[in-house]
Amino acid sequence: MAALGLTACGGDAEGEPGSSASPAATSAAAGETATPTPTPSATPEYKPATANGPAENVPVPQMPELASEESKEGLEAFTLYWYDLLNYAYESGDLAPLEAVTEDSCLRCQDVGKVIADWHSEGRWLVGGKVEIDGTGTDYVEDSAGRHQIAVQLVSNELRYYLADGTLHEKSTESDMQVDVLVARYESGRWLTLDVGVSGSI
């Protein structure tokens, strides 16, 4: 934030009565060094993954406030946020934000995480694979273990796997519209994904 300066008015350059010296000038006269105004650092430019190389400076999705609420709307918002983190992981290779809101017992999550981690190591990278959400639905009924289910209608885009030398190793085609069922529980003031299963194409 820029510092506010005071402009001298009246008097002469010698600081006769009637002049108003700025705090910086007064400090300098007392032998003190004025603190320079810090220059804001530029935000690194985001570059999406392409056939020419991996993504750079991928922005981390921020959780909306609603996603922390213990309500039907909160679960829906959390579910969208969870898939945003999944897309972020595919592009960046950074699994930490996704793992922070996912139970270790989620086997499908572990399988997907292993693919992402493997293909973002030793110079390899992924392009695509983005999950696009078409809609969600839940009756918001809690079972005896405090779990809720939410159906997620989605499409997974084409995913390409690149070797470190830039060779296209393989690719998966875009999926048909399908429905995932995400299982979550609200605990310690937040939602946590326990499992994600595919119920089939539609």
Protein backbone atom coordinates (compact mmCIF):
# COMPACT_ATOMS: atom_id res chain seq x y z
CA MET A 1 0.00 0.00 0.00
CA ALA A 2 1.43 3.40 -0.95
CA ALA A 3 2.45 5.69 1.90
CA LEU A 4 0.56 8.95 2.39
CA GLY A 5 2.85 12.00 2.13
CA LEU A 6 2.24 15.45 3.61
CA THR A 7 2.88 18.44 1.35
CA ALA A 8 4.62 21.44 2.96
CA CYS A 9 2.68 24.67 2.86
CA GLY A 10 3.84 28.22 3.80
CA GLY A 11 7.31 29.21 5.01
CA ASP A 12 10.49 28.71 3.02
CA ALA A 13 12.80 25.84 2.17
CA GLU A 14 14.67 26.30 5.46
CA GLY A 15 11.65 25.22 7.46
CA GLU A 16 10.78 28.58 9.06
CA PRO A 17 7.71 28.79 11.27
CA GLY A 18 4.58 28.05 9.31
CA SER A 19 6.16 25.15 7.42
CA SER A 20 4.94 21.61 7.91
CA ALA A 21 7.67 19.06 7.34
CA SER A 22 6.72 15.53 6.37
CA PRO A 23 7.38 12.67 8.85
CA ALA A 24 9.97 11.28 6.41
CA ALA A 25 11.83 14.62 6.35
CA THR A 26 11.71 14.91 10.14
CA SER A 27 13.08 11.40 10.55
CA ALA A 28 15.84 12.07 8.04
CA ALA A 29 16.78 15.26 9.92
CA ALA A 30 17.07 13.21 13.10
CA GLY A 31 19.47 10.84 11.40
CA GLU A 32 16.90 8.07 10.86
CA THR A 33 16.38 6.18 7.63
CA ALA A 34 12.89 6.24 6.12
CA THR A 35 11.39 2.81 5.39
CA PRO A 36 10.72 2.36 1.67
CA THR A 37 7.26 1.33 0.54
CA PRO A 38 7.33 -2.38 -0.41
CA THR A 39 6.65 -3.15 -4.05
CA PRO A 40 3.91 -5.78 -4.54
CA SER A 41 5.30 -8.94 -6.12
CA ALA A 42 3.76 -10.00 -9.41
CA THR A 43 1.61 -13.14 -9.45
CA PRO A 44 3.35 -15.87 -11.47
CA GLU A 45 1.63 -16.43 -14.79
CA TYR A 46 -0.51 -19.56 -15.09
CA LYS A 47 0.34 -21.72 -18.09
CA PRO A 48 -1.91 -24.70 -18.82
CA ALA A 49 -0.47 -28.09 -19.67
CA THR A 50 0.03 -28.71 -23.39
CA ALA A 51 1.82 -31.15 -25.64
CA ASN A 52 4.89 -28.93 -25.23
CA GLY A 53 5.16 -29.25 -21.48
CA PRO A 54 3.47 -29.47 -18.08
CA ALA A 55 1.34 -26.79 -16.51
CA GLU A 56 2.98 -24.00 -14.54
CA ASN A 57 1.67 -21.98 -11.59
CA VAL A 58 -1.73 -23.70 -11.53
CA PRO A 59 -3.99 -21.73 -9.14
CA VAL A 60 -5.18 -23.75 -6.16
CA PRO A 61 -9.01 -23.81 -5.90
CA GLN A 62 -10.31 -21.92 -2.89
CA MET A 63 -13.08 -23.50 -0.84
CA PRO A 64 -16.27 -21.44 -0.87
CA GLU A 65 -17.66 -20.54 2.53
CA LEU A 66 -20.84 -22.50 1.86
CA ALA A 67 -18.82 -25.73 1.49
CA SER A 68 -18.03 -25.65 5.21
CA GLU A 69 -21.69 -25.69 6.27
CA GLU A 70 -23.39 -28.81 7.60
CA SER A 71 -26.38 -28.68 5.28
CA LYS A 72 -27.61 -30.05 1.97
CA GLU A 73 -26.36 -26.91 0.22
CA GLY A 74 -23.06 -27.22 2.05
CA LEU A 75 -22.58 -30.81 0.88
CA GLU A 76 -23.37 -29.82 -2.71
CA ALA A 77 -20.87 -26.95 -2.58
CA PHE A 78 -18.23 -29.20 -1.01
CA THR A 79 -18.73 -31.83 -3.72
CA LEU A 80 -18.10 -29.28 -6.48
CA TYR A 81 -15.04 -28.07 -4.58
CA TRP A 82 -13.74 -31.64 -4.25
CA TYR A 83 -13.89 -32.16 -8.02
CA ASP A 84 -12.18 -28.79 -8.53
CA LEU A 85 -9.34 -30.11 -6.39
CA LEU A 86 -9.29 -33.31 -8.45
CA ASN A 87 -8.94 -31.28 -11.65
CA TYR A 88 -6.20 -29.23 -10.01
CA ALA A 89 -4.34 -32.42 -9.06
CA TYR A 90 -4.51 -33.79 -12.59
CA GLU A 91 -2.99 -30.63 -14.02
CA SER A 92 -0.48 -29.72 -11.33
CA GLY A 93 0.46 -33.08 -9.84
CA ASP A 94 -0.14 -31.61 -6.37
CA LEU A 95 -2.34 -34.03 -4.43
CA ALA A 96 -2.04 -32.37 -1.02
CA PRO A 97 -5.20 -30.17 -1.18
CA LEU A 98 -7.30 -33.13 -2.39
CA GLU A 99 -5.89 -35.50 0.22
CA ALA A 100 -6.60 -32.93 2.94
CA VAL A 101 -10.36 -33.36 2.40
CA THR A 102 -10.35 -37.09 1.54
CA GLU A 103 -10.32 -40.06 3.90
CA ASP A 104 -7.35 -42.42 3.45
CA SER A 105 -9.76 -45.37 3.14
CA CYS A 106 -11.12 -44.12 -0.22
CA LEU A 107 -9.69 -46.83 -2.50
CA ARG A 108 -10.72 -45.26 -5.80
CA CYS A 109 -9.21 -41.97 -4.65
CA GLN A 110 -5.96 -43.79 -3.89
CA ASP A 111 -5.94 -45.40 -7.35
CA VAL A 112 -6.47 -42.07 -9.10
CA GLY A 113 -3.89 -40.42 -6.86
CA LYS A 114 -1.29 -43.04 -7.76
CA VAL A 115 -1.83 -42.41 -11.49
CA ILE A 116 -1.48 -38.66 -10.98
CA ALA A 117 1.63 -38.99 -8.81
CA ASP A 118 3.31 -41.44 -11.20
CA TRP A 119 2.65 -39.30 -14.26
CA HIS A 120 3.96 -36.16 -12.63
CA SER A 121 7.31 -37.75 -11.75
CA GLU A 122 10.57 -38.17 -13.67
CA GLY A 123 9.68 -35.34 -16.04
CA ARG A 124 6.36 -36.81 -17.20
CA TRP A 125 3.08 -34.92 -17.25
CA LEU A 126 -0.64 -35.10 -18.00
CA VAL A 127 -2.79 -33.01 -20.30
CA GLY A 128 -6.57 -32.94 -19.95
CA GLY A 129 -8.65 -35.28 -17.85
CA LYS A 130 -10.80 -32.44 -16.53
CA VAL A 131 -14.03 -33.52 -14.91
CA GLU A 132 -16.99 -31.38 -15.93
CA ILE A 133 -20.00 -31.48 -13.61
CA ASP A 134 -23.43 -31.38 -15.19
CA GLY A 135 -25.40 -31.61 -11.96
CA THR A 136 -25.64 -33.05 -8.45
CA GLY A 137 -28.44 -34.54 -6.41
CA THR A 138 -28.87 -35.74 -2.83
CA ASP A 139 -31.76 -36.58 -0.54
CA TYR A 140 -29.46 -35.59 2.33
CA VAL A 141 -30.32 -38.60 4.48
CA GLU A 142 -27.70 -39.52 7.07
CA ASP A 143 -27.03 -43.22 7.72
CA SER A 144 -26.16 -44.77 11.09
CA ALA A 145 -22.47 -43.93 10.56
CA GLY A 146 -23.21 -40.27 9.85
CA ARG A 147 -22.54 -40.61 6.12
CA HIS A 148 -24.32 -38.84 3.26
CA GLN A 149 -24.42 -39.78 -0.41
CA ILE A 150 -24.57 -37.38 -3.32
CA ALA A 151 -24.92 -38.30 -6.98
CA VAL A 152 -22.74 -36.37 -9.41
CA GLN A 153 -23.50 -36.31 -13.13
CA LEU A 154 -20.28 -35.71 -15.03
CA VAL A 155 -18.08 -36.15 -18.08
CA SER A 156 -14.33 -36.81 -17.96
CA ASN A 157 -12.44 -35.12 -20.79
CA GLU A 158 -9.73 -36.77 -22.87
CA LEU A 159 -6.55 -37.43 -20.90
CA ARG A 160 -3.12 -37.58 -22.56
CA TYR A 161 0.00 -39.04 -20.98
CA TYR A 162 3.37 -37.54 -21.98
CA LEU A 163 6.84 -38.94 -21.37
CA ALA A 164 9.71 -36.72 -20.29
CA ASP A 165 10.99 -36.43 -23.89
CA GLY A 166 7.61 -35.09 -25.04
CA THR A 167 6.43 -38.38 -26.57
CA LEU A 168 2.70 -39.04 -26.31
CA HIS A 169 2.58 -42.38 -24.48
CA GLU A 170 -1.16 -42.95 -24.59
CA LYS A 171 -4.48 -41.20 -24.28
CA SER A 172 -7.94 -41.97 -22.98
CA THR A 173 -11.00 -40.71 -24.82
CA GLU A 174 -13.66 -38.49 -23.33
CA SER A 175 -16.13 -40.51 -21.26
CA ASP A 176 -19.85 -40.72 -21.82
CA MET A 177 -22.02 -38.91 -19.32
CA GLN A 178 -21.84 -40.92 -16.11
CA VAL A 179 -22.87 -40.71 -12.49
CA ASP A 180 -20.44 -40.84 -9.58
CA VAL A 181 -21.71 -41.38 -6.06
CA LEU A 182 -19.66 -39.47 -3.52
CA VAL A 183 -19.92 -40.47 0.14
CA ALA A 184 -19.06 -37.82 2.70
CA ARG A 185 -19.34 -37.20 6.42
CA TYR A 186 -19.36 -33.96 8.37
CA GLU A 187 -16.91 -34.01 11.26
CA SER A 188 -14.88 -31.50 13.24
CA GLY A 189 -16.58 -28.62 11.45
CA ARG A 190 -15.92 -29.78 7.89
CA TRP A 191 -16.90 -32.25 5.18
CA LEU A 192 -14.64 -35.19 4.39
CA THR A 193 -14.94 -37.49 1.34
CA LEU A 194 -15.00 -41.13 2.41
CA ASP A 195 -15.55 -42.84 -0.93
CA VAL A 196 -16.34 -42.19 -4.58
CA GLY A 197 -17.90 -44.85 -6.75
CA VAL A 198 -19.12 -45.01 -10.33
CA SER A 199 -22.76 -46.04 -10.65
CA GLY A 200 -22.63 -46.22 -14.46
CA SER A 201 -23.05 -44.33 -17.72
CA ILE A 202 -26.31 -42.62 -18.63
